[in-house]
Amino acid sequence: MLLGILSLVAGVLPKVFLGYLQARNTKEIAWITAEQERRRLLAEIAIAQYQHPVAWVPRFLIELGVSLYIVDVIATSMLHLPQYGPLKMPDLFIWVLTTVVGAMFLRDITNRLFK
Protein backbone atom coordinates (compact mmCIF):
# COMPACT_ATOMS: atom_id res chain seq x y z
CA MET A 1 0.00 0.00 0.00
CA LEU A 2 2.79 2.40 0.88
CA LEU A 3 4.52 1.50 -2.36
CA GLY A 4 1.37 2.36 -4.34
CA ILE A 5 1.13 5.82 -2.70
CA LEU A 6 4.80 6.49 -3.34
CA SER A 7 4.43 5.57 -7.00
CA LEU A 8 1.54 8.07 -7.36
CA VAL A 9 3.52 10.85 -5.66
CA ALA A 10 6.66 10.01 -7.59
CA GLY A 11 4.78 10.41 -10.87
CA VAL A 12 3.32 13.84 -9.99
CA LEU A 13 6.17 15.44 -8.06
CA PRO A 14 8.69 15.78 -10.92
CA LYS A 15 6.05 17.33 -13.20
CA VAL A 16 5.18 19.96 -10.55
CA PHE A 17 8.83 20.71 -9.83
CA LEU A 18 9.78 20.91 -13.51
CA GLY A 19 6.79 23.16 -14.20
CA TYR A 20 7.94 25.52 -11.42
CA LEU A 21 11.48 25.62 -12.79
CA GLN A 22 10.23 26.25 -16.33
CA ALA A 23 8.03 29.17 -15.17
CA ARG A 24 10.92 30.66 -13.22
CA ASN A 25 13.25 30.25 -16.19
CA THR A 26 10.76 32.05 -18.44
CA LYS A 27 10.62 34.99 -16.02
CA GLU A 28 14.41 35.20 -15.82
CA ILE A 29 14.79 35.07 -19.60
CA ALA A 30 12.25 37.89 -19.94
CA TRP A 31 14.09 39.94 -17.30
CA ILE A 32 17.47 39.38 -19.00
CA THR A 33 16.03 40.36 -22.38
CA ALA A 34 14.52 43.55 -20.91
CA GLU A 35 17.83 44.41 -19.20
CA GLN A 36 19.76 43.94 -22.44
CA GLU A 37 17.33 46.22 -24.28
CA ARG A 38 17.60 48.85 -21.54
CA ARG A 39 21.40 48.82 -21.69
CA ARG A 40 21.34 49.02 -25.50
CA LEU A 41 19.09 52.09 -25.32
CA LEU A 42 21.33 53.72 -22.71
CA ALA A 43 24.35 53.13 -24.92
CA GLU A 44 22.53 54.71 -27.87
CA ILE A 45 21.67 57.75 -25.75
CA ALA A 46 25.27 58.14 -24.57
CA ILE A 47 26.59 57.87 -28.13
CA ALA A 48 24.06 60.41 -29.37
CA GLN A 49 25.01 62.84 -26.60
CA TYR A 50 28.71 62.69 -27.42
CA GLN A 51 28.23 63.25 -31.14
CA HIS A 52 27.76 66.98 -30.60
CA PRO A 53 30.70 69.07 -29.28
CA VAL A 54 28.46 71.03 -26.90
CA ALA A 55 28.02 67.83 -24.88
CA TRP A 56 31.62 66.68 -24.58
CA VAL A 57 33.84 69.80 -24.80
CA PRO A 58 33.01 71.26 -21.33
CA ARG A 59 33.52 67.93 -19.59
CA PHE A 60 36.76 67.35 -21.49
CA LEU A 61 38.11 70.80 -20.53
CA ILE A 62 37.29 70.31 -16.86
CA GLU A 63 38.85 66.84 -16.78
CA LEU A 64 41.92 68.13 -18.64
CA GLY A 65 42.37 71.02 -16.18
CA VAL A 66 42.11 68.76 -13.13
CA SER A 67 44.48 66.21 -14.69
CA LEU A 68 47.09 68.84 -15.52
CA TYR A 69 46.86 70.29 -12.00
CA ILE A 70 47.37 66.85 -10.42
CA VAL A 71 50.32 66.09 -12.71
CA ASP A 72 51.84 69.52 -11.99
CA VAL A 73 51.66 69.12 -8.22
CA ILE A 74 53.02 65.59 -8.25
CA ALA A 75 55.84 66.49 -10.67
CA THR A 76 56.94 69.56 -8.70
CA SER A 77 56.83 67.56 -5.49
CA MET A 78 58.89 64.73 -6.94
CA LEU A 79 61.43 67.09 -8.48
CA HIS A 80 61.80 68.97 -5.16
CA LEU A 81 61.01 72.34 -6.67
CA PRO A 82 60.91 75.07 -4.02
CA GLN A 83 57.23 75.76 -4.55
CA TYR A 84 56.07 72.86 -2.36
CA GLY A 85 59.22 71.27 -1.00
CA PRO A 86 60.13 67.59 -0.98
CA LEU A 87 57.02 65.42 -1.19
CA LYS A 88 54.72 68.03 0.32
CA MET A 89 51.29 68.58 -1.16
CA PRO A 90 49.44 71.91 -1.03
CA ASP A 91 46.17 72.10 0.88
CA LEU A 92 44.14 72.80 -2.25
CA PHE A 93 45.52 69.67 -3.87
CA ILE A 94 44.06 67.55 -1.09
CA TRP A 95 40.66 69.20 -1.65
CA VAL A 96 40.88 68.63 -5.41
CA LEU A 97 41.71 64.95 -4.95
CA THR A 98 38.95 64.57 -2.35
CA THR A 99 36.43 66.16 -4.71
CA VAL A 100 37.50 64.06 -7.70
CA VAL A 101 37.53 60.76 -5.81
CA GLY A 102 34.27 61.63 -4.05
CA ALA A 103 32.61 62.49 -7.36
CA MET A 104 33.78 59.19 -8.83
CA PHE A 105 32.27 57.26 -5.91
CA LEU A 106 29.07 59.32 -6.04
CA ARG A 107 28.70 58.65 -9.77
CA ASP A 108 29.21 54.94 -9.20
CA ILE A 109 26.64 54.88 -6.40
CA THR A 110 24.03 56.78 -8.41
CA ASN A 111 24.61 54.51 -11.40
CA ARG A 112 23.96 51.47 -9.22
CA LEU A 113 20.91 52.97 -7.53
CA PHE A 114 19.17 54.35 -10.59
CA LYS A 115 19.96 51.73 -13.22
C-alpha atoms as a PDB file:
ATOM      1  CA  MET A   1       0.000   0.000   0.000  1.00  0.00           C
ATOM      2  CA  LEU A   2       2.786   2.395   0.878  1.00  0.00           C
ATOM      3  CA  LEU A   3       4.520   1.503  -2.359  1.00  0.00           C
ATOM      4  CA  GLY A   4       1.367   2.361  -4.341  1.00  0.00           C
ATOM      5  CA  ILE A   5       1.127   5.821  -2.698  1.00  0.00           C
ATOM      6  CA  LEU A   6       4.803   6.495  -3.340  1.00  0.00           C
ATOM      7  CA  SER A   7       4.427   5.566  -6.999  1.00  0.00           C
ATOM      8  CA  LEU A   8       1.537   8.073  -7.364  1.00  0.00           C
ATOM      9  CA  VAL A   9       3.515  10.847  -5.661  1.00  0.00           C
ATOM     10  CA  ALA A  10       6.663  10.007  -7.590  1.00  0.00           C
ATOM     11  CA  GLY A  11       4.784  10.411 -10.870  1.00  0.00           C
ATOM     12  CA  VAL A  12       3.319  13.841  -9.993  1.00  0.00           C
ATOM     13  CA  LEU A  13       6.173  15.444  -8.060  1.00  0.00           C
ATOM     14  CA  PRO A  14       8.694  15.775 -10.924  1.00  0.00           C
ATOM     15  CA  LYS A  15       6.054  17.335 -13.198  1.00  0.00           C
ATOM     16  CA  VAL A  16       5.184  19.961 -10.553  1.00  0.00           C
ATOM     17  CA  PHE A  17       8.833  20.706  -9.826  1.00  0.00           C
ATOM     18  CA  LEU A  18       9.777  20.906 -13.514  1.00  0.00           C
ATOM     19  CA  GLY A  19       6.787  23.161 -14.199  1.00  0.00           C
ATOM     20  CA  TYR A  20       7.943  25.524 -11.423  1.00  0.00           C
ATOM     21  CA  LEU A  21      11.482  25.622 -12.794  1.00  0.00           C
ATOM     22  CA  GLN A  22      10.230  26.254 -16.329  1.00  0.00           C
ATOM     23  CA  ALA A  23       8.032  29.170 -15.173  1.00  0.00           C
ATOM     24  CA  ARG A  24      10.916  30.655 -13.217  1.00  0.00           C
ATOM     25  CA  ASN A  25      13.253  30.248 -16.188  1.00  0.00           C
ATOM     26  CA  THR A  26      10.763  32.051 -18.444  1.00  0.00           C
ATOM     27  CA  LYS A  27      10.616  34.987 -16.019  1.00  0.00           C
ATOM     28  CA  GLU A  28      14.411  35.198 -15.819  1.00  0.00           C
ATOM     29  CA  ILE A  29      14.787  35.067 -19.597  1.00  0.00           C
ATOM     30  CA  ALA A  30      12.249  37.893 -19.945  1.00  0.00           C
ATOM     31  CA  TRP A  31      14.094  39.941 -17.297  1.00  0.00           C
ATOM     32  CA  ILE A  32      17.470  39.383 -18.999  1.00  0.00           C
ATOM     33  CA  THR A  33      16.032  40.365 -22.385  1.00  0.00           C
ATOM     34  CA  ALA A  34      14.525  43.549 -20.914  1.00  0.00           C
ATOM     35  CA  GLU A  35      17.828  44.409 -19.204  1.00  0.00           C
ATOM     36  CA  GLN A  36      19.758  43.936 -22.443  1.00  0.00           C
ATOM     37  CA  GLU A  37      17.329  46.215 -24.283  1.00  0.00           C
ATOM     38  CA  ARG A  38      17.596  48.853 -21.540  1.00  0.00           C
ATOM     39  CA  ARG A  39      21.399  48.825 -21.693  1.00  0.00           C
ATOM     40  CA  ARG A  40      21.342  49.021 -25.499  1.00  0.00           C
ATOM     41  CA  LEU A  41      19.087  52.092 -25.324  1.00  0.00           C
ATOM     42  CA  LEU A  42      21.329  53.717 -22.705  1.00  0.00           C
ATOM     43  CA  ALA A  43      24.346  53.132 -24.920  1.00  0.00           C
ATOM     44  CA  GLU A  44      22.533  54.713 -27.874  1.00  0.00           C
ATOM     45  CA  ILE A  45      21.674  57.755 -25.753  1.00  0.00           C
ATOM     46  CA  ALA A  46      25.269  58.139 -24.569  1.00  0.00           C
ATOM     47  CA  ILE A  47      26.594  57.871 -28.126  1.00  0.00           C
ATOM     48  CA  ALA A  48      24.059  60.412 -29.368  1.00  0.00           C
ATOM     49  CA  GLN A  49      25.012  62.842 -26.597  1.00  0.00           C
ATOM     50  CA  TYR A  50      28.706  62.687 -27.415  1.00  0.00           C
ATOM     51  CA  GLN A  51      28.231  63.246 -31.138  1.00  0.00           C
ATOM     52  CA  HIS A  52      27.763  66.979 -30.596  1.00  0.00           C
ATOM     53  CA  PRO A  53      30.696  69.066 -29.277  1.00  0.00           C
ATOM     54  CA  VAL A  54      28.457  71.030 -26.902  1.00  0.00           C
ATOM     55  CA  ALA A  55      28.024  67.833 -24.881  1.00  0.00           C
ATOM     56  CA  TRP A  56      31.620  66.678 -24.581  1.00  0.00           C
ATOM     57  CA  VAL A  57      33.845  69.797 -24.798  1.00  0.00           C
ATOM     58  CA  PRO A  58      33.007  71.263 -21.327  1.00  0.00           C
ATOM     59  CA  ARG A  59      33.523  67.925 -19.595  1.00  0.00           C
ATOM     60  CA  PHE A  60      36.758  67.349 -21.490  1.00  0.00           C
ATOM     61  CA  LEU A  61      38.112  70.797 -20.535  1.00  0.00           C
ATOM     62  CA  ILE A  62      37.286  70.312 -16.855  1.00  0.00           C
ATOM     63  CA  GLU A  63      38.854  66.840 -16.781  1.00  0.00           C
ATOM     64  CA  LEU A  64      41.916  68.129 -18.637  1.00  0.00           C
ATOM     65  CA  GLY A  65      42.368  71.015 -16.177  1.00  0.00           C
ATOM     66  CA  VAL A  66      42.106  68.762 -13.133  1.00  0.00           C
ATOM     67  CA  SER A  67      44.476  66.210 -14.685  1.00  0.00           C
ATOM     68  CA  LEU A  68      47.086  68.843 -15.522  1.00  0.00           C
ATOM     69  CA  TYR A  69      46.864  70.291 -11.997  1.00  0.00           C
ATOM     70  CA  ILE A  70      47.374  66.847 -10.425  1.00  0.00           C
ATOM     71  CA  VAL A  71      50.321  66.093 -12.713  1.00  0.00           C
ATOM     72  CA  ASP A  72      51.839  69.522 -11.992  1.00  0.00           C
ATOM     73  CA  VAL A  73      51.662  69.124  -8.218  1.00  0.00           C
ATOM     74  CA  ILE A  74      53.024  65.591  -8.247  1.00  0.00           C
ATOM     75  CA  ALA A  75      55.838  66.485 -10.668  1.00  0.00           C
ATOM     76  CA  THR A  76      56.943  69.563  -8.701  1.00  0.00           C
ATOM     77  CA  SER A  77      56.828  67.559  -5.490  1.00  0.00           C
ATOM     78  CA  MET A  78      58.890  64.731  -6.936  1.00  0.00           C
ATOM     79  CA  LEU A  79      61.432  67.093  -8.477  1.00  0.00           C
ATOM     80  CA  HIS A  80      61.797  68.974  -5.162  1.00  0.00           C
ATOM     81  CA  LEU A  81      61.010  72.336  -6.665  1.00  0.00           C
ATOM     82  CA  PRO A  82      60.911  75.067  -4.021  1.00  0.00           C
ATOM     83  CA  GLN A  83      57.229  75.763  -4.553  1.00  0.00           C
ATOM     84  CA  TYR A  84      56.066  72.863  -2.363  1.00  0.00           C
ATOM     85  CA  GLY A  85      59.216  71.272  -1.002  1.00  0.00           C
ATOM     86  CA  PRO A  86      60.125  67.594  -0.985  1.00  0.00           C
ATOM     87  CA  LEU A  87      57.023  65.420  -1.189  1.00  0.00           C
ATOM     88  CA  LYS A  88      54.716  68.033   0.321  1.00  0.00           C
ATOM     89  CA  MET A  89      51.290  68.579  -1.158  1.00  0.00           C
ATOM     90  CA  PRO A  90      49.438  71.908  -1.025  1.00  0.00           C
ATOM     91  CA  ASP A  91      46.166  72.099   0.878  1.00  0.00           C
ATOM     92  CA  LEU A  92      44.137  72.803  -2.249  1.00  0.00           C
ATOM     93  CA  PHE A  93      45.524  69.670  -3.873  1.00  0.00           C
ATOM     94  CA  ILE A  94      44.056  67.551  -1.090  1.00  0.00           C
ATOM     95  CA  TRP A  95      40.657  69.203  -1.652  1.00  0.00           C
ATOM     96  CA  VAL A  96      40.883  68.629  -5.408  1.00  0.00           C
ATOM     97  CA  LEU A  97      41.708  64.952  -4.946  1.00  0.00           C
ATOM     98  CA  THR A  98      38.950  64.572  -2.353  1.00  0.00           C
ATOM     99  CA  THR A  99      36.433  66.160  -4.711  1.00  0.00           C
ATOM    100  CA  VAL A 100      37.503  64.061  -7.699  1.00  0.00           C
ATOM    101  CA  VAL A 101      37.526  60.765  -5.813  1.00  0.00           C
ATOM    102  CA  GLY A 102      34.267  61.633  -4.048  1.00  0.00           C
ATOM    103  CA  ALA A 103      32.607  62.487  -7.359  1.00  0.00           C
ATOM    104  CA  MET A 104      33.779  59.191  -8.829  1.00  0.00           C
ATOM    105  CA  PHE A 105      32.271  57.258  -5.910  1.00  0.00           C
ATOM    106  CA  LEU A 106      29.065  59.319  -6.036  1.00  0.00           C
ATOM    107  CA  ARG A 107      28.703  58.654  -9.767  1.00  0.00           C
ATOM    108  CA  ASP A 108      29.209  54.936  -9.202  1.00  0.00           C
ATOM    109  CA  ILE A 109      26.639  54.878  -6.399  1.00  0.00           C
ATOM    110  CA  THR A 110      24.035  56.785  -8.408  1.00  0.00           C
ATOM    111  CA  ASN A 111      24.609  54.514 -11.401  1.00  0.00           C
ATOM    112  CA  ARG A 112      23.964  51.468  -9.222  1.00  0.00           C
ATOM    113  CA  LEU A 113      20.905  52.969  -7.529  1.00  0.00           C
ATOM    114  CA  PHE A 114      19.171  54.354 -10.591  1.00  0.00           C
ATOM    115  CA  LYS A 115      19.959  51.730 -13.219  1.00  0.00           C
END
